Amino acid sequence: QGCTQKYIVKNYFYYYLFKFSAALGEEIFYITFLPFTYWNIDHSVSRRMIIVWSIVMYIGQVSKDILKWPRPLSPPVVKLEMRTNAEYGMPSTHAMAATAISFSFFIATMNQYKYPFELGLAAAFVFSTLVCLSRLYTGMHTVLDVIGGALISAVLLVLLYPAWDTIDHLLLTSPFCPLFSIVVPLVLCYNYPKLDYYSPTRGDTTTILGAAAGATVGFWLNNQYSASAHTGTSAQPGLPLTSSTMVFVLARFFTGILVVLLTRWLTKSVVLGVLGYRYQFPMGDLQARRRLEVEVPYKFVTYSCVGLAATVLVPLLHQLLGLM
């Protein structure tokens, strides 16, 4: 599983298109697009996307390790990725995430902003389709894995949509929200399905639930203390992007990303240092970091702080710098 296959690229357009599309279902996309939406478009849209994304991804990750369907055999399939090769295949969580994020964004914005319905629907369809096709191109999933992932995500969206407003209201106003948002995801991470060998699914799930937990607590805190929403120079769908608006958008984005990355680095270093002292292992010991008692707290705390920083600290910094 650690070997890299040799292959010859015959069509660089498809190669880079689908390699880029595959990245739209990975952490680099989550840590940029979801905060960007919160900082520059609409708080309510971002809240709904994050809640749907975390629920869909948890169900998808757990389903993989319960069903235990293997990924495509290689050979004959050539695999362009190796990290996720240790995971099972069904359902494709890339397909689930792409479907959930694109269509929840479309559904949440179509009645709030002025843009052609057909254009929004087509954009959501193209985005999710590109990510789904990338999983076939990179050899990581079968057609059934991808279709199954997209269908499961669609069903979950249909089931969650009627409760969107109720869930959002409870997360903003319930005094039990912070406790619920931390305890429930943490319990789910510690009780993740056990495998006979190490798989990155548990760590990835902990990362997702941790980020969602921190963001949810941030939503609650902002509502309790009446933090202002971005309404002035936000990049709202249907509005022309002037040069001054773009300057504010980019300034908020790069300032926010810098804070998020610094928070992740600092928290990760501190938590790993504490856990290393507690369990007597060096920070560079990869095997030790994969143990349940290390991986879950280190990733959950790290990404909870990332989610909290993105929703509370970054908007405060934006306000301080006059970027609101």
Foldseek 3Di string as FASTA:
>chain_A
DPDADDDDDPDVVLVVLLVVLQCCLDPVVVLFVLLLCQAFAWVLLSLLLLVLLLVLLLVQLLVQLVVVAAADDPVVFHAPDDQQNPTHQAAPSLLLSLLSNLVSSLVVAVVPADDDNVVSVVVSVVSSVSNLVSCVVNRGHDNCNNVRSNVVSVVSCVVCVVCSVVVLVCLQDPPCNLVCLQVVLLVCLLPRDDDPDFGCSSLVSLLSSLLSSLLSVLNNVCSVVVPDGDDDLHPYPPDDNDPVSVVLSVVLSVLLSVQLVVLLVVLLVVLLVVVCVVVVDDSPPPVVCRDSVRSNVSSNRSSSSSNNCSRHVSSVVCVVVVSD
